[in-house]
Amino acid sequence: MSSTETKAGTATGLALSILGQIEHDVLQTLALAALGATVSFFVSRILQCLFNRKRKQ
């Protein structure tokens, strides 16, 4: 096992143990915020592509 794998495993274990300590409401809020940001990003990209096509025609 390499040093990189050990560091990655340790970091992942630490992150999961911290996530287990965070309250459910905070995790739900973070998940919804991430989902909202992702949807907003993709909708803006789709609209940008649609408007660029109309300008070229």
PDB file of N, CA and C in Angstrom:
ATOM      1  N   MET A   1       0.861  -1.182   0.000  1.00  0.00           N
ATOM      2  CA  MET A   1       0.000   0.000   0.000  1.00  0.00           C
ATOM      3  C   MET A   1       0.898   1.232   0.000  1.00  0.00           C
ATOM      4  N   SER A   2       0.593   2.150  -0.875  1.00  0.00           N
ATOM      5  CA  SER A   2       1.443   3.328  -0.998  1.00  0.00           C
ATOM      6  C   SER A   2       1.043   4.402   0.009  1.00  0.00           C
ATOM      7  N   SER A   3       1.902   5.371   0.131  1.00  0.00           N
ATOM      8  CA  SER A   3       1.652   6.484   1.044  1.00  0.00           C
ATOM      9  C   SER A   3       0.428   7.284   0.622  1.00  0.00           C
ATOM     10  N   THR A   4       0.228   7.422  -0.680  1.00  0.00           N
ATOM     11  CA  THR A   4      -0.922   8.167  -1.190  1.00  0.00           C
ATOM     12  C   THR A   4      -2.228   7.470  -0.818  1.00  0.00           C
ATOM     13  N   GLU A   5      -2.248   6.135  -0.939  1.00  0.00           N
ATOM     14  CA  GLU A   5      -3.451   5.379  -0.586  1.00  0.00           C
ATOM     15  C   GLU A   5      -3.746   5.488   0.903  1.00  0.00           C
ATOM     16  N   THR A   6      -2.710   5.487   1.712  1.00  0.00           N
ATOM     17  CA  THR A   6      -2.887   5.619   3.157  1.00  0.00           C
ATOM     18  C   THR A   6      -3.447   6.987   3.502  1.00  0.00           C
ATOM     19  N   LYS A   7      -2.912   8.022   2.870  1.00  0.00           N
ATOM     20  CA  LYS A   7      -3.406   9.381   3.122  1.00  0.00           C
ATOM     21  C   LYS A   7      -4.848   9.534   2.669  1.00  0.00           C
ATOM     22  N   ALA A   8      -5.183   8.983   1.505  1.00  0.00           N
ATOM     23  CA  ALA A   8      -6.545   9.076   0.987  1.00  0.00           C
ATOM     24  C   ALA A   8      -7.513   8.328   1.899  1.00  0.00           C
ATOM     25  N   GLY A   9      -7.121   7.155   2.356  1.00  0.00           N
ATOM     26  CA  GLY A   9      -7.964   6.381   3.258  1.00  0.00           C
ATOM     27  C   GLY A   9      -8.173   7.082   4.586  1.00  0.00           C
ATOM     28  N   THR A  10      -7.121   7.686   5.106  1.00  0.00           N
ATOM     29  CA  THR A  10      -7.217   8.419   6.368  1.00  0.00           C
ATOM     30  C   THR A  10      -8.117   9.636   6.214  1.00  0.00           C
ATOM     31  N   ALA A  11      -7.949  10.376   5.128  1.00  0.00           N
ATOM     32  CA  ALA A  11      -8.772  11.569   4.894  1.00  0.00           C
ATOM     33  C   ALA A  11     -10.243  11.198   4.722  1.00  0.00           C
ATOM     34  N   THR A  12     -10.502  10.115   3.992  1.00  0.00           N
ATOM     35  CA  THR A  12     -11.884   9.671   3.792  1.00  0.00           C
ATOM     36  C   THR A  12     -12.510   9.233   5.108  1.00  0.00           C
ATOM     37  N   GLY A  13     -11.770   8.481   5.897  1.00  0.00           N
ATOM     38  CA  GLY A  13     -12.270   8.049   7.205  1.00  0.00           C
ATOM     39  C   GLY A  13     -12.555   9.221   8.116  1.00  0.00           C
ATOM     40  N   LEU A  14     -11.684  10.205   8.113  1.00  0.00           N
ATOM     41  CA  LEU A  14     -11.880  11.400   8.927  1.00  0.00           C
ATOM     42  C   LEU A  14     -13.121  12.158   8.475  1.00  0.00           C
ATOM     43  N   ALA A  15     -13.280  12.318   7.150  1.00  0.00           N
ATOM     44  CA  ALA A  15     -14.446  13.035   6.629  1.00  0.00           C
ATOM     45  C   ALA A  15     -15.742  12.315   6.996  1.00  0.00           C
ATOM     46  N   LEU A  16     -15.762  10.994   6.872  1.00  0.00           N
ATOM     47  CA  LEU A  16     -16.964  10.243   7.209  1.00  0.00           C
ATOM     48  C   LEU A  16     -17.269  10.288   8.701  1.00  0.00           C
ATOM     49  N   SER A  17     -16.237  10.281   9.522  1.00  0.00           N
ATOM     50  CA  SER A  17     -16.489  10.358  10.961  1.00  0.00           C
ATOM     51  C   SER A  17     -17.007  11.737  11.362  1.00  0.00           C
ATOM     52  N   ILE A  18     -16.541  12.780  10.684  1.00  0.00           N
ATOM     53  CA  ILE A  18     -17.050  14.132  10.959  1.00  0.00           C
ATOM     54  C   ILE A  18     -18.488  14.248  10.489  1.00  0.00           C
ATOM     55  N   LEU A  19     -18.795  13.683   9.304  1.00  0.00           N
ATOM     56  CA  LEU A  19     -20.161  13.727   8.796  1.00  0.00           C
ATOM     57  C   LEU A  19     -21.133  13.034   9.745  1.00  0.00           C
ATOM     58  N   GLY A  20     -20.671  12.000  10.416  1.00  0.00           N
ATOM     59  CA  GLY A  20     -21.521  11.297  11.370  1.00  0.00           C
ATOM     60  C   GLY A  20     -21.861  12.133  12.585  1.00  0.00           C
ATOM     61  N   GLN A  21     -21.065  13.149  12.868  1.00  0.00           N
ATOM     62  CA  GLN A  21     -21.287  13.996  14.030  1.00  0.00           C
ATOM     63  C   GLN A  21     -22.171  15.204  13.729  1.00  0.00           C
ATOM     64  N   ILE A  22     -22.323  15.540  12.459  1.00  0.00           N
ATOM     65  CA  ILE A  22     -23.104  16.709  12.076  1.00  0.00           C
ATOM     66  C   ILE A  22     -24.594  16.358  12.152  1.00  0.00           C
ATOM     67  N   GLU A  23     -25.381  17.285  12.578  1.00  0.00           N
ATOM     68  CA  GLU A  23     -26.816  17.057  12.708  1.00  0.00           C
ATOM     69  C   GLU A  23     -27.469  16.828  11.349  1.00  0.00           C
ATOM     70  N   HIS A  24     -28.581  16.120  11.386  1.00  0.00           N
ATOM     71  CA  HIS A  24     -29.304  15.758  10.163  1.00  0.00           C
ATOM     72  C   HIS A  24     -29.774  16.992   9.401  1.00  0.00           C
ATOM     73  N   ASP A  25     -30.251  18.001  10.094  1.00  0.00           N
ATOM     74  CA  ASP A  25     -30.759  19.207   9.432  1.00  0.00           C
ATOM     75  C   ASP A  25     -29.670  19.914   8.639  1.00  0.00           C
ATOM     76  N   VAL A  26     -28.469  19.940   9.187  1.00  0.00           N
ATOM     77  CA  VAL A  26     -27.355  20.601   8.502  1.00  0.00           C
ATOM     78  C   VAL A  26     -27.012  19.844   7.227  1.00  0.00           C
ATOM     79  N   LEU A  27     -26.982  18.517   7.311  1.00  0.00           N
ATOM     80  CA  LEU A  27     -26.683  17.714   6.124  1.00  0.00           C
ATOM     81  C   LEU A  27     -27.758  17.887   5.059  1.00  0.00           C
ATOM     82  N   GLN A  28     -29.015  17.948   5.476  1.00  0.00           N
ATOM     83  CA  GLN A  28     -30.100  18.140   4.529  1.00  0.00           C
ATOM     84  C   GLN A  28     -29.985  19.508   3.861  1.00  0.00           C
ATOM     85  N   THR A  29     -29.643  20.520   4.619  1.00  0.00           N
ATOM     86  CA  THR A  29     -29.476  21.863   4.073  1.00  0.00           C
ATOM     87  C   THR A  29     -28.326  21.898   3.074  1.00  0.00           C
ATOM     88  N   LEU A  30     -27.214  21.263   3.413  1.00  0.00           N
ATOM     89  CA  LEU A  30     -26.065  21.220   2.506  1.00  0.00           C
ATOM     90  C   LEU A  30     -26.415  20.479   1.215  1.00  0.00           C
ATOM     91  N   ALA A  31     -27.130  19.371   1.336  1.00  0.00           N
ATOM     92  CA  ALA A  31     -27.504  18.598   0.149  1.00  0.00           C
ATOM     93  C   ALA A  31     -28.434  19.402  -0.748  1.00  0.00           C
ATOM     94  N   LEU A  32     -29.410  20.071  -0.165  1.00  0.00           N
ATOM     95  CA  LEU A  32     -30.334  20.875  -0.963  1.00  0.00           C
ATOM     96  C   LEU A  32     -29.632  22.065  -1.605  1.00  0.00           C
ATOM     97  N   ALA A  33     -28.697  22.666  -0.903  1.00  0.00           N
ATOM     98  CA  ALA A  33     -27.944  23.787  -1.471  1.00  0.00           C
ATOM     99  C   ALA A  33     -27.100  23.317  -2.654  1.00  0.00           C
ATOM    100  N   ALA A  34     -26.464  22.166  -2.514  1.00  0.00           N
ATOM    101  CA  ALA A  34     -25.658  21.625  -3.610  1.00  0.00           C
ATOM    102  C   ALA A  34     -26.534  21.278  -4.802  1.00  0.00           C
ATOM    103  N   LEU A  35     -27.689  20.682  -4.545  1.00  0.00           N
ATOM    104  CA  LEU A  35     -28.608  20.347  -5.625  1.00  0.00           C
ATOM    105  C   LEU A  35     -29.109  21.603  -6.329  1.00  0.00           C
ATOM    106  N   GLY A  36     -29.469  22.621  -5.565  1.00  0.00           N
ATOM    107  CA  GLY A  36     -29.941  23.876  -6.150  1.00  0.00           C
ATOM    108  C   GLY A  36     -28.879  24.550  -6.994  1.00  0.00           C
ATOM    109  N   ALA A  37     -27.653  24.548  -6.517  1.00  0.00           N
ATOM    110  CA  ALA A  37     -26.563  25.158  -7.280  1.00  0.00           C
ATOM    111  C   ALA A  37     -26.306  24.398  -8.571  1.00  0.00           C
ATOM    112  N   THR A  38     -26.380  23.076  -8.508  1.00  0.00           N
ATOM    113  CA  THR A  38     -26.152  22.256  -9.696  1.00  0.00           C
ATOM    114  C   THR A  38     -27.239  22.485 -10.741  1.00  0.00           C
ATOM    115  N   VAL A  39     -28.482  22.483 -10.310  1.00  0.00           N
ATOM    116  CA  VAL A  39     -29.595  22.708 -11.232  1.00  0.00           C
ATOM    117  C   VAL A  39     -29.498  24.101 -11.835  1.00  0.00           C
ATOM    118  N   SER A  40     -29.199  25.091 -11.023  1.00  0.00           N
ATOM    119  CA  SER A  40     -29.068  26.464 -11.514  1.00  0.00           C
ATOM    120  C   SER A  40     -27.964  26.563 -12.563  1.00  0.00           C
ATOM    121  N   PHE A  41     -26.847  25.910 -12.325  1.00  0.00           N
ATOM    122  CA  PHE A  41     -25.732  25.934 -13.268  1.00  0.00           C
ATOM    123  C   PHE A  41     -26.142  25.348 -14.613  1.00  0.00           C
ATOM    124  N   PHE A  42     -26.770  24.169 -14.574  1.00  0.00           N
ATOM    125  CA  PHE A  42     -27.132  23.520 -15.830  1.00  0.00           C
ATOM    126  C   PHE A  42     -28.234  24.269 -16.573  1.00  0.00           C
ATOM    127  N   VAL A  43     -29.185  24.825 -15.874  1.00  0.00           N
ATOM    128  CA  VAL A  43     -30.233  25.608 -16.535  1.00  0.00           C
ATOM    129  C   VAL A  43     -29.635  26.838 -17.201  1.00  0.00           C
ATOM    130  N   SER A  44     -28.712  27.498 -16.529  1.00  0.00           N
ATOM    131  CA  SER A  44     -28.090  28.680 -17.128  1.00  0.00           C
ATOM    132  C   SER A  44     -27.268  28.316 -18.361  1.00  0.00           C
ATOM    133  N   ARG A  45     -26.586  27.163 -18.335  1.00  0.00           N
ATOM    134  CA  ARG A  45     -25.817  26.725 -19.503  1.00  0.00           C
ATOM    135  C   ARG A  45     -26.733  26.397 -20.678  1.00  0.00           C
ATOM    136  N   ILE A  46     -27.859  25.726 -20.388  1.00  0.00           N
ATOM    137  CA  ILE A  46     -28.807  25.383 -21.437  1.00  0.00           C
ATOM    138  C   ILE A  46     -29.390  26.649 -22.058  1.00  0.00           C
ATOM    139  N   LEU A  47     -29.779  27.597 -21.225  1.00  0.00           N
ATOM    140  CA  LEU A  47     -30.326  28.854 -21.747  1.00  0.00           C
ATOM    141  C   LEU A  47     -29.280  29.614 -22.555  1.00  0.00           C
ATOM    142  N   GLN A  48     -28.052  29.592 -22.097  1.00  0.00           N
ATOM    143  CA  GLN A  48     -26.979  30.270 -22.824  1.00  0.00           C
ATOM    144  C   GLN A  48     -26.803  29.642 -24.209  1.00  0.00           C
ATOM    145  N   CYS A  49     -26.844  28.335 -24.278  1.00  0.00           N
ATOM    146  CA  CYS A  49     -26.719  27.660 -25.578  1.00  0.00           C
ATOM    147  C   CYS A  49     -27.895  27.994 -26.486  1.00  0.00           C
ATOM    148  N   LEU A  50     -29.102  28.030 -25.934  1.00  0.00           N
ATOM    149  CA  LEU A  50     -30.278  28.346 -26.739  1.00  0.00           C
ATOM    150  C   LEU A  50     -30.221  29.764 -27.289  1.00  0.00           C
ATOM    151  N   PHE A  51     -29.821  30.719 -26.483  1.00  0.00           N
ATOM    152  CA  PHE A  51     -29.760  32.100 -26.936  1.00  0.00           C
ATOM    153  C   PHE A  51     -28.631  32.308 -27.942  1.00  0.00           C
ATOM    154  N   ASN A  52     -27.522  31.594 -27.785  1.00  0.00           N
ATOM    155  CA  ASN A  52     -26.425  31.704 -28.756  1.00  0.00           C
ATOM    156  C   ASN A  52     -26.830  31.156 -30.097  1.00  0.00           C
ATOM    157  N   ARG A  53     -27.643  30.096 -30.139  1.00  0.00           N
ATOM    158  CA  ARG A  53     -28.108  29.536 -31.412  1.00  0.00           C
ATOM    159  C   ARG A  53     -29.026  30.506 -32.123  1.00  0.00           C
ATOM    160  N   LYS A  54     -29.871  31.191 -31.381  1.00  0.00           N
ATOM    161  CA  LYS A  54     -30.797  32.139 -32.006  1.00  0.00           C
ATOM    162  C   LYS A  54     -30.044  33.322 -32.611  1.00  0.00           C
ATOM    163  N   ARG A  55     -28.973  33.745 -31.961  1.00  0.00           N
ATOM    164  CA  ARG A  55     -28.191  34.890 -32.480  1.00  0.00           C
ATOM    165  C   ARG A  55     -27.470  34.524 -33.768  1.00  0.00           C
ATOM    166  N   LYS A  56     -27.029  33.270 -33.893  1.00  0.00           N
ATOM    167  CA  LYS A  56     -26.285  32.836 -35.080  1.00  0.00           C
ATOM    168  C   LYS A  56     -27.178  32.676 -36.299  1.00  0.00           C
ATOM    169  N   GLN A  57     -28.457  32.463 -36.083  1.00  0.00           N
ATOM    170  CA  GLN A  57     -29.375  32.232 -37.211  1.00  0.00           C
ATOM    171  C   GLN A  57     -29.797  33.509 -37.866  1.00  0.00           C
TER     172      GLN A  57
END
